[in-house]
N, C-alpha and C. Protein backbone atom coordinates (compact mmCIF):
# COMPACT_ATOMS: atom_id res chain seq x y z
N MET A 1 121.26 94.64 74.67
CA MET A 1 122.53 95.13 74.13
C MET A 1 123.10 94.05 73.22
N HIS A 2 123.48 94.44 72.02
CA HIS A 2 124.00 93.51 71.03
C HIS A 2 125.53 93.60 71.01
N HIS A 3 126.19 92.43 71.11
CA HIS A 3 127.66 92.38 71.05
C HIS A 3 128.06 91.65 69.78
N SER A 4 129.03 92.19 69.07
CA SER A 4 129.59 91.52 67.91
C SER A 4 130.25 90.23 68.36
N LEU A 5 130.27 89.24 67.46
CA LEU A 5 130.89 87.94 67.78
C LEU A 5 132.34 88.09 68.19
N HIS A 6 133.02 89.12 67.68
CA HIS A 6 134.44 89.34 67.99
C HIS A 6 134.64 90.27 69.17
N SER A 7 133.56 90.74 69.75
CA SER A 7 133.64 91.63 70.90
C SER A 7 134.13 90.87 72.12
N PRO A 8 135.01 91.48 72.94
CA PRO A 8 135.49 90.79 74.13
C PRO A 8 134.37 90.51 75.13
N ASN A 9 133.23 91.19 74.99
CA ASN A 9 132.11 90.97 75.91
C ASN A 9 131.07 90.00 75.37
N HIS A 10 131.27 89.48 74.18
CA HIS A 10 130.32 88.51 73.61
C HIS A 10 130.37 87.24 74.46
N PRO A 11 129.21 86.65 74.78
CA PRO A 11 129.19 85.45 75.63
C PRO A 11 130.07 84.31 75.11
N ASP A 12 130.10 84.09 73.79
CA ASP A 12 130.95 83.02 73.25
C ASP A 12 132.42 83.31 73.46
N THR A 13 132.80 84.57 73.29
CA THR A 13 134.20 84.97 73.50
C THR A 13 134.57 84.80 74.96
N LEU A 14 133.68 85.23 75.86
CA LEU A 14 133.94 85.08 77.29
C LEU A 14 134.04 83.61 77.69
N ASP A 15 133.16 82.79 77.13
CA ASP A 15 133.20 81.36 77.44
C ASP A 15 134.50 80.72 76.96
N ARG A 16 134.92 81.07 75.74
CA ARG A 16 136.19 80.53 75.22
C ARG A 16 137.36 80.94 76.09
N LEU A 17 137.39 82.22 76.48
CA LEU A 17 138.47 82.72 77.32
C LEU A 17 138.45 82.04 78.69
N ALA A 18 137.27 81.89 79.26
CA ALA A 18 137.16 81.23 80.57
C ALA A 18 137.62 79.78 80.49
N ARG A 19 137.24 79.09 79.43
CA ARG A 19 137.68 77.69 79.26
C ARG A 19 139.19 77.61 79.07
N ARG A 20 139.76 78.56 78.31
CA ARG A 20 141.22 78.56 78.10
C ARG A 20 141.96 78.79 79.42
N ARG A 21 141.48 79.75 80.20
CA ARG A 21 142.11 80.03 81.49
C ARG A 21 142.00 78.84 82.43
N ALA A 22 140.80 78.26 82.49
CA ALA A 22 140.59 77.09 83.36
C ALA A 22 141.48 75.94 82.91
N GLY A 23 141.58 75.73 81.59
CA GLY A 23 142.42 74.66 81.07
C GLY A 23 143.89 74.86 81.41
N ALA A 24 144.35 76.11 81.32
CA ALA A 24 145.75 76.41 81.66
C ALA A 24 146.01 76.14 83.14
N LYS A 25 145.07 76.53 83.99
CA LYS A 25 145.25 76.32 85.43
C LYS A 25 145.18 74.83 85.77
N LEU A 26 144.27 74.11 85.15
CA LEU A 26 144.21 72.66 85.38
C LEU A 26 145.48 71.98 84.86
N GLY A 27 145.99 72.47 83.73
CA GLY A 27 147.25 71.92 83.20
C GLY A 27 148.40 72.10 84.17
N TRP A 28 148.45 73.27 84.81
CA TRP A 28 149.52 73.50 85.79
C TRP A 28 149.33 72.61 87.01
N LEU A 29 148.09 72.45 87.46
CA LEU A 29 147.83 71.58 88.62
C LEU A 29 148.21 70.13 88.30
N LEU A 30 147.92 69.69 87.09
CA LEU A 30 148.33 68.34 86.68
C LEU A 30 149.86 68.24 86.67
N HIS A 31 150.52 69.25 86.12
CA HIS A 31 151.99 69.29 86.09
C HIS A 31 152.55 69.20 87.51
N ALA A 32 151.97 69.97 88.43
CA ALA A 32 152.43 69.96 89.82
C ALA A 32 152.21 68.59 90.46
N GLY A 33 151.08 67.96 90.18
CA GLY A 33 150.80 66.64 90.73
C GLY A 33 151.77 65.59 90.23
N VAL A 34 152.06 65.63 88.93
CA VAL A 34 153.03 64.68 88.36
C VAL A 34 154.41 64.94 88.95
N TYR A 35 154.76 66.22 89.08
CA TYR A 35 156.06 66.58 89.68
C TYR A 35 156.20 65.98 91.08
N LEU A 36 155.19 66.19 91.91
CA LEU A 36 155.25 65.67 93.29
C LEU A 36 155.33 64.15 93.32
N THR A 37 154.53 63.50 92.48
CA THR A 37 154.53 62.04 92.43
C THR A 37 155.89 61.50 92.02
N VAL A 38 156.44 62.07 90.96
CA VAL A 38 157.74 61.61 90.46
C VAL A 38 158.85 61.91 91.47
N GLN A 39 158.81 63.07 92.10
CA GLN A 39 159.85 63.43 93.07
C GLN A 39 159.80 62.50 94.28
N LEU A 40 158.59 62.15 94.71
CA LEU A 40 158.48 61.19 95.83
C LEU A 40 159.02 59.82 95.42
N ALA A 41 158.72 59.39 94.21
CA ALA A 41 159.24 58.10 93.72
C ALA A 41 160.76 58.14 93.62
N LEU A 42 161.30 59.24 93.10
CA LEU A 42 162.75 59.36 93.00
C LEU A 42 163.41 59.40 94.39
N ALA A 43 162.77 60.08 95.32
CA ALA A 43 163.31 60.13 96.68
C ALA A 43 163.31 58.73 97.30
N GLY A 44 162.25 57.97 97.08
CA GLY A 44 162.21 56.59 97.57
C GLY A 44 163.29 55.74 96.95
N LEU A 45 163.48 55.87 95.66
CA LEU A 45 164.54 55.12 94.96
C LEU A 45 165.92 55.50 95.50
N ALA A 46 166.14 56.79 95.69
CA ALA A 46 167.44 57.25 96.21
C ALA A 46 167.67 56.73 97.62
N LEU A 47 166.62 56.72 98.44
CA LEU A 47 166.76 56.19 99.81
C LEU A 47 167.13 54.71 99.78
N MET A 48 166.50 53.96 98.89
CA MET A 48 166.81 52.53 98.80
C MET A 48 168.25 52.30 98.34
N GLN A 49 168.78 53.22 97.56
CA GLN A 49 170.15 53.10 97.07
C GLN A 49 171.16 53.72 98.02
N GLY A 50 170.66 54.44 99.02
CA GLY A 50 171.56 55.12 99.94
C GLY A 50 172.27 56.30 99.31
N ARG A 51 171.64 56.92 98.35
CA ARG A 51 172.25 58.05 97.65
C ARG A 51 171.43 59.32 97.85
N THR A 52 172.04 60.44 97.50
CA THR A 52 171.37 61.73 97.69
C THR A 52 171.39 62.57 96.42
N TRP A 53 170.99 61.99 95.31
CA TRP A 53 170.99 62.71 94.04
C TRP A 53 169.66 63.38 93.74
N THR A 54 168.66 63.18 94.55
CA THR A 54 167.31 63.69 94.24
C THR A 54 167.18 65.21 94.14
N PRO A 55 167.99 66.01 94.82
CA PRO A 55 167.79 67.47 94.65
C PRO A 55 168.01 67.95 93.21
N TYR A 56 168.86 67.29 92.46
CA TYR A 56 169.17 67.76 91.12
C TYR A 56 167.96 67.69 90.18
N PRO A 57 167.31 66.54 90.05
CA PRO A 57 166.11 66.55 89.20
C PRO A 57 164.99 67.41 89.79
N ALA A 58 164.90 67.46 91.11
CA ALA A 58 163.86 68.28 91.75
C ALA A 58 164.06 69.75 91.43
N LEU A 59 165.30 70.22 91.48
CA LEU A 59 165.57 71.63 91.18
C LEU A 59 165.37 71.95 89.70
N GLY A 60 165.84 71.07 88.83
CA GLY A 60 165.68 71.31 87.39
C GLY A 60 164.22 71.34 86.98
N TRP A 61 163.48 70.31 87.37
CA TRP A 61 162.07 70.24 87.01
C TRP A 61 161.29 71.30 87.78
N GLY A 62 161.71 71.57 89.02
CA GLY A 62 161.05 72.59 89.83
C GLY A 62 161.13 73.96 89.18
N LEU A 63 162.25 74.26 88.54
CA LEU A 63 162.38 75.53 87.82
C LEU A 63 161.37 75.60 86.68
N GLY A 64 161.24 74.51 85.95
CA GLY A 64 160.24 74.45 84.87
C GLY A 64 158.83 74.62 85.41
N LEU A 65 158.54 73.98 86.53
CA LEU A 65 157.21 74.10 87.15
C LEU A 65 156.98 75.53 87.63
N LEU A 66 158.01 76.15 88.18
CA LEU A 66 157.89 77.54 88.63
C LEU A 66 157.60 78.48 87.45
N LEU A 67 158.32 78.31 86.36
CA LEU A 67 158.08 79.15 85.18
C LEU A 67 156.69 78.91 84.59
N HIS A 68 156.29 77.64 84.54
CA HIS A 68 154.95 77.31 84.06
C HIS A 68 153.90 77.99 84.95
N GLY A 69 154.09 77.92 86.26
CA GLY A 69 153.16 78.56 87.20
C GLY A 69 153.13 80.06 87.05
N ALA A 70 154.29 80.67 86.81
CA ALA A 70 154.34 82.13 86.64
C ALA A 70 153.54 82.55 85.41
N VAL A 71 153.65 81.80 84.34
CA VAL A 71 152.88 82.12 83.13
C VAL A 71 151.39 81.94 83.38
N VAL A 72 151.02 80.83 83.99
CA VAL A 72 149.61 80.53 84.19
C VAL A 72 148.96 81.44 85.22
N TRP A 73 149.59 81.61 86.37
CA TRP A 73 148.95 82.31 87.48
C TRP A 73 149.23 83.81 87.50
N LEU A 74 150.30 84.26 86.83
CA LEU A 74 150.64 85.68 86.88
C LEU A 74 150.49 86.40 85.55
N ALA A 75 150.86 85.75 84.46
CA ALA A 75 150.93 86.45 83.19
C ALA A 75 149.70 86.30 82.31
N LEU A 76 148.94 85.24 82.45
CA LEU A 76 147.76 85.06 81.60
C LEU A 76 146.72 86.12 81.91
N PRO A 77 145.90 86.45 80.93
CA PRO A 77 144.80 87.37 81.22
C PRO A 77 143.98 86.82 82.38
N GLY A 78 143.59 87.67 83.27
CA GLY A 78 142.86 87.23 84.44
C GLY A 78 143.70 87.27 85.70
N ALA A 79 145.02 87.36 85.52
CA ALA A 79 145.88 87.50 86.69
C ALA A 79 145.57 88.85 87.33
N HIS A 80 145.46 88.89 88.63
CA HIS A 80 145.01 90.09 89.33
C HIS A 80 145.91 91.30 89.05
N TRP A 81 147.22 91.13 89.11
CA TRP A 81 148.10 92.27 88.89
C TRP A 81 148.02 92.76 87.46
N ARG A 82 147.86 91.83 86.51
CA ARG A 82 147.74 92.22 85.11
C ARG A 82 146.46 93.00 84.89
N GLU A 83 145.36 92.53 85.47
CA GLU A 83 144.09 93.23 85.33
C GLU A 83 144.16 94.62 85.96
N ALA A 84 144.88 94.75 87.07
CA ALA A 84 145.02 96.05 87.71
C ALA A 84 145.81 97.01 86.81
N LEU A 85 146.86 96.51 86.15
CA LEU A 85 147.63 97.35 85.23
C LEU A 85 146.78 97.77 84.02
N VAL A 86 146.00 96.83 83.49
CA VAL A 86 145.13 97.14 82.36
C VAL A 86 144.12 98.21 82.77
N ALA A 87 143.53 98.07 83.95
CA ALA A 87 142.56 99.06 84.43
C ALA A 87 143.22 100.43 84.59
N ARG A 88 144.44 100.45 85.10
CA ARG A 88 145.16 101.71 85.27
C ARG A 88 145.42 102.37 83.90
N GLU A 89 145.83 101.55 82.93
CA GLU A 89 146.09 102.09 81.59
C GLU A 89 144.81 102.60 80.93
N ARG A 90 143.70 101.86 81.11
CA ARG A 90 142.42 102.32 80.57
C ARG A 90 142.04 103.67 81.17
N ALA A 91 142.21 103.80 82.48
CA ALA A 91 141.87 105.06 83.15
C ALA A 91 142.76 106.19 82.63
N ALA A 92 144.05 105.92 82.43
CA ALA A 92 144.96 106.95 81.93
C ALA A 92 144.56 107.36 80.51
N LEU A 93 144.22 106.39 79.68
CA LEU A 93 143.79 106.70 78.31
C LEU A 93 142.49 107.50 78.31
N ALA A 94 141.58 107.16 79.19
CA ALA A 94 140.31 107.89 79.28
C ALA A 94 140.57 109.33 79.72
N ARG A 95 141.49 109.52 80.69
CA ARG A 95 141.83 110.88 81.13
C ARG A 95 142.46 111.67 79.99
N GLU A 96 143.38 111.02 79.26
CA GLU A 96 144.02 111.70 78.13
C GLU A 96 142.98 112.10 77.09
N ARG A 97 142.09 111.17 76.78
CA ARG A 97 141.07 111.44 75.76
C ARG A 97 140.14 112.56 76.20
N SER A 98 139.72 112.53 77.45
CA SER A 98 138.81 113.59 77.92
C SER A 98 139.56 114.91 78.02
N GLY A 99 140.85 114.87 78.33
CA GLY A 99 141.66 116.08 78.37
C GLY A 99 141.80 116.69 76.99
N HIS A 100 141.97 115.84 75.96
CA HIS A 100 142.07 116.33 74.60
C HIS A 100 140.75 116.93 74.15
N ASN A 101 139.65 116.30 74.55
CA ASN A 101 138.34 116.81 74.16
C ASN A 101 138.05 118.15 74.82
N ASP A 102 138.50 118.33 76.08
CA ASP A 102 138.27 119.58 76.78
C ASP A 102 139.07 120.72 76.17
N SER A 103 140.26 120.43 75.65
CA SER A 103 141.11 121.49 75.12
C SER A 103 140.90 121.73 73.63
N ALA A 104 140.05 120.91 73.01
CA ALA A 104 139.82 121.09 71.57
C ALA A 104 139.02 122.36 71.33
N PRO A 105 139.33 123.09 70.23
CA PRO A 105 138.59 124.31 69.92
C PRO A 105 137.13 123.98 69.62
N GLN A 106 136.24 124.86 70.04
CA GLN A 106 134.83 124.59 69.83
C GLN A 106 134.25 125.51 68.82
């Protein structure tokens, strides 16, 4: 079976997409690791100072990390719920198309 270079099933296209998805997920994991490291350092600094200001940067940056995670794990192609919606839409379009073909004059 021959696939056009621009076909979503072409091996090069699949490889590029897989690398992009993997890169996005690794980027989020790196972001989460830096977040945890910095938050632990800030908590240590706050403890040494006898202060309790650490929730503020943790919440602010945590919101950014949460949004980054939502994009990477939920919204990017490959997210399970997104793929399920795409499959449902494909099935609906196929039903519509076959319904139109059945009702077309012969």
